[in-house]
Amino acid sequence: MYMSEYGPTINYEESFLFLINRTAKALIHTVDQMLRAKVGITYGQWRVITVLFKKANSEEGKNKGLTQREIASNIGIEDSTVIPIIDKLQKDGLVSRQPDRNDRRNNRIVLTENSDKIIQDVITYGEKLKNVILSNISQDELSITKKTLDKMWDNVQSKIQQELLFARMDGAEMPQRMNRSRIDG
């Protein structure tokens, strides 16, 4: 906080939250540009492919796919926002919609064989981009940053849960809890 002739002011550009937000936006923009140029998909499409890939490679998820709602929840967006992303991926032959055997109202979204090359390209170019982004950051610095961000996440989630509990006591409608989606790397 600084003092000006008008009273206390905040230098937001030195704020920790501003720095996190600025870095996140720059990373998302950089990843999106790399994906568009090198792989032919967007950042949003990559996020959908990634959660489907993780599910397909989990023991309980082999060949089961996810519903649109599950995908949206995993990447932290609204259900209606994920629909055009899935439509585009389906049009490009990277995913397919298959009827849910347990609930005919739902489709399960699964990766197609065509997505294999895209996934390999994303891994290859993602590693190159990661090496550039982290080029002058030590493993110790990276570890401390990860631990700090995890603690911040937990603090935010704890505060959100506390507020939701109080809202529930007052009979307020409950928003969904933010989903922690991780793509470590």
Protein backbone atom coordinates (compact mmCIF):
# COMPACT_ATOMS: atom_id res chain seq x y z
CA MET A 1 0.00 0.00 0.00
CA TYR A 2 1.27 3.44 -0.92
CA MET A 3 0.23 6.90 0.15
CA SER A 4 -0.75 9.50 -2.39
CA GLU A 5 -2.11 13.00 -1.97
CA TYR A 6 -5.58 11.36 -2.02
CA GLY A 7 -4.82 8.77 0.68
CA PRO A 8 -3.74 5.13 0.59
CA THR A 9 -3.46 3.48 -2.84
CA ILE A 10 -2.72 -0.05 -3.94
CA ASN A 11 -0.02 -0.88 -6.46
CA TYR A 12 -1.94 -3.76 -8.03
CA GLU A 13 0.88 -4.62 -10.44
CA GLU A 14 2.96 -5.79 -7.47
CA SER A 15 0.05 -7.73 -5.98
CA PHE A 16 0.59 -11.47 -5.73
CA LEU A 17 -2.89 -12.10 -7.15
CA PHE A 18 -2.19 -9.81 -10.11
CA LEU A 19 1.06 -11.66 -10.82
CA ILE A 20 -0.67 -15.05 -10.70
CA ASN A 21 -3.47 -13.85 -12.97
CA ARG A 22 -1.08 -12.19 -15.45
CA THR A 23 1.09 -15.32 -15.60
CA ALA A 24 -1.90 -17.65 -16.03
CA LYS A 25 -3.32 -15.55 -18.86
CA ALA A 26 0.05 -15.37 -20.61
CA LEU A 27 0.54 -19.13 -20.27
CA ILE A 28 -2.94 -19.89 -21.60
CA HIS A 29 -2.40 -17.53 -24.55
CA THR A 30 1.02 -19.03 -25.31
CA VAL A 31 -0.24 -22.62 -25.08
CA ASP A 32 -3.26 -21.74 -27.25
CA GLN A 33 -1.04 -20.19 -29.93
CA MET A 34 1.34 -23.17 -29.89
CA LEU A 35 -1.54 -25.66 -30.12
CA ARG A 36 -3.17 -23.78 -33.00
CA ALA A 37 0.08 -23.46 -34.95
CA LYS A 38 1.64 -26.86 -34.31
CA VAL A 39 -1.28 -29.23 -33.66
CA GLY A 40 -4.36 -27.54 -35.14
CA ILE A 41 -6.49 -27.47 -31.97
CA THR A 42 -7.37 -24.79 -29.44
CA TYR A 43 -6.58 -24.60 -25.74
CA GLY A 44 -10.21 -25.47 -24.95
CA GLN A 45 -10.11 -28.52 -27.22
CA TRP A 46 -6.84 -29.60 -25.65
CA ARG A 47 -8.40 -29.45 -22.17
CA VAL A 48 -11.25 -31.74 -23.28
CA ILE A 49 -8.86 -34.18 -24.97
CA THR A 50 -6.66 -34.20 -21.86
CA VAL A 51 -9.46 -35.13 -19.43
CA LEU A 52 -10.69 -37.82 -21.83
CA PHE A 53 -7.14 -39.15 -22.20
CA LYS A 54 -6.67 -39.25 -18.41
CA LYS A 55 -10.00 -41.06 -18.01
CA ALA A 56 -9.23 -43.53 -20.82
CA ASN A 57 -5.91 -44.38 -19.20
CA SER A 58 -7.29 -44.87 -15.71
CA GLU A 59 -8.16 -48.38 -14.56
CA GLU A 60 -11.85 -47.65 -14.04
CA GLY A 61 -12.17 -45.54 -17.16
CA LYS A 62 -10.99 -47.75 -19.99
CA ASN A 63 -13.26 -47.23 -23.01
CA LYS A 64 -16.02 -45.68 -20.89
CA GLY A 65 -15.54 -42.02 -21.73
CA LEU A 66 -17.19 -39.15 -19.89
CA THR A 67 -20.49 -37.33 -20.16
CA GLN A 68 -20.53 -33.71 -21.29
CA ARG A 69 -21.37 -32.71 -17.72
CA GLU A 70 -18.40 -34.70 -16.34
CA ILE A 71 -16.06 -33.10 -18.86
CA ALA A 72 -17.33 -29.60 -18.01
CA SER A 73 -16.93 -30.29 -14.29
CA ASN A 74 -13.40 -31.61 -14.76
CA ILE A 75 -12.21 -28.54 -16.65
CA GLY A 76 -14.20 -26.03 -14.61
CA ILE A 77 -16.57 -24.63 -17.25
CA GLU A 78 -20.33 -24.57 -17.71
CA ASP A 79 -22.02 -27.56 -19.35
CA SER A 80 -23.29 -25.40 -22.22
CA THR A 81 -19.77 -24.07 -22.91
CA VAL A 82 -18.31 -27.54 -23.50
CA ILE A 83 -20.92 -28.54 -26.12
CA PRO A 84 -19.47 -26.57 -29.08
CA ILE A 85 -15.97 -27.75 -28.16
CA ILE A 86 -17.11 -31.37 -28.27
CA ASP A 87 -19.05 -30.70 -31.50
CA LYS A 88 -15.87 -29.40 -33.17
CA LEU A 89 -13.78 -32.31 -31.88
CA GLN A 90 -16.41 -34.74 -33.19
CA LYS A 91 -16.54 -32.98 -36.56
CA ASP A 92 -12.74 -33.30 -36.76
CA GLY A 93 -12.97 -37.03 -35.93
CA LEU A 94 -11.13 -36.78 -32.62
CA VAL A 95 -14.01 -37.84 -30.35
CA SER A 96 -17.26 -39.71 -30.74
CA ARG A 97 -20.51 -39.69 -28.82
CA GLN A 98 -21.67 -43.10 -27.68
CA PRO A 99 -24.95 -43.84 -25.91
CA ASP A 100 -24.57 -44.35 -22.16
CA ARG A 101 -25.54 -47.96 -21.38
CA ASN A 102 -26.80 -46.97 -17.93
CA ASP A 103 -28.66 -43.77 -18.83
CA ARG A 104 -30.13 -43.34 -22.30
CA ARG A 105 -30.47 -39.59 -21.73
CA ASN A 106 -26.68 -39.21 -21.82
CA ASN A 107 -23.94 -39.76 -24.33
CA ARG A 108 -20.44 -40.70 -23.32
CA ILE A 109 -17.67 -38.86 -25.11
CA VAL A 110 -14.71 -41.03 -26.05
CA LEU A 111 -11.49 -40.42 -27.93
CA THR A 112 -11.17 -41.94 -31.37
CA GLU A 113 -8.04 -43.49 -32.86
CA ASN A 114 -7.58 -40.24 -34.82
CA SER A 115 -6.79 -38.47 -31.55
CA ASP A 116 -3.64 -40.57 -30.97
CA LYS A 117 -1.47 -38.44 -33.27
CA ILE A 118 -2.84 -35.22 -31.77
CA ILE A 119 -2.05 -36.47 -28.26
CA GLN A 120 1.51 -37.39 -29.28
CA ASP A 121 1.99 -33.98 -30.94
CA VAL A 122 0.66 -32.20 -27.85
CA ILE A 123 3.06 -34.16 -25.64
CA THR A 124 6.01 -33.39 -27.94
CA TYR A 125 5.33 -29.68 -28.36
CA GLY A 126 4.16 -29.34 -24.76
CA GLU A 127 7.51 -30.64 -23.50
CA LYS A 128 9.37 -28.18 -25.73
CA LEU A 129 7.21 -25.29 -24.53
CA LYS A 130 7.58 -26.36 -20.89
CA ASN A 131 11.37 -26.39 -21.27
CA VAL A 132 11.32 -22.84 -22.66
CA ILE A 133 8.93 -21.52 -19.99
CA LEU A 134 10.89 -23.10 -17.12
CA SER A 135 14.35 -22.50 -18.60
CA ASN A 136 15.72 -20.28 -15.81
CA ILE A 137 13.72 -21.71 -12.90
CA SER A 138 15.35 -24.23 -10.58
CA GLN A 139 13.65 -27.40 -9.39
CA ASP A 140 13.65 -25.97 -5.85
CA GLU A 141 11.91 -22.78 -7.02
CA LEU A 142 9.38 -24.81 -8.99
CA SER A 143 8.71 -27.11 -6.04
CA ILE A 144 8.17 -24.17 -3.67
CA THR A 145 5.87 -22.49 -6.19
CA LYS A 146 3.78 -25.66 -6.61
CA LYS A 147 3.50 -26.14 -2.84
CA THR A 148 2.54 -22.49 -2.33
CA LEU A 149 -0.11 -22.58 -5.05
CA ASP A 150 -1.51 -25.84 -3.64
CA LYS A 151 -1.78 -24.23 -0.20
CA MET A 152 -3.49 -21.18 -1.70
CA TRP A 153 -5.95 -23.48 -3.52
CA ASP A 154 -6.70 -25.35 -0.31
CA ASN A 155 -7.23 -22.08 1.57
CA VAL A 156 -9.63 -20.81 -1.09
CA GLN A 157 -11.52 -24.11 -1.14
CA SER A 158 -11.73 -24.17 2.66
CA LYS A 159 -13.11 -20.62 2.68
CA ILE A 160 -15.60 -21.46 -0.07
CA GLN A 161 -16.79 -24.53 1.84
CA GLN A 162 -17.19 -22.48 5.01
CA GLU A 163 -19.26 -19.88 3.17
CA LEU A 164 -21.36 -22.60 1.53
CA LEU A 165 -22.05 -24.17 4.91
CA PHE A 166 -23.27 -20.82 6.28
CA ALA A 167 -25.33 -20.22 3.12
CA ARG A 168 -26.90 -23.67 3.48
CA MET A 169 -27.86 -22.81 7.07
CA ASP A 170 -29.61 -19.71 5.73
CA GLY A 171 -31.42 -21.76 3.06
CA ALA A 172 -29.57 -20.24 0.10
CA GLU A 173 -29.16 -22.10 -3.18
CA MET A 174 -25.80 -23.85 -3.35
CA PRO A 175 -23.39 -23.27 -6.25
CA GLN A 176 -21.20 -26.21 -7.28
CA ARG A 177 -17.76 -26.41 -5.69
CA MET A 178 -14.87 -25.61 -7.96
CA ASN A 179 -13.32 -28.78 -9.30
CA ARG A 180 -9.58 -29.20 -8.97
CA SER A 181 -8.40 -30.34 -12.33
CA ARG A 182 -4.71 -31.02 -12.62
CA ILE A 183 -2.56 -31.52 -15.57
CA ASP A 184 0.85 -31.89 -13.99
CA GLY A 185 3.88 -31.22 -15.99
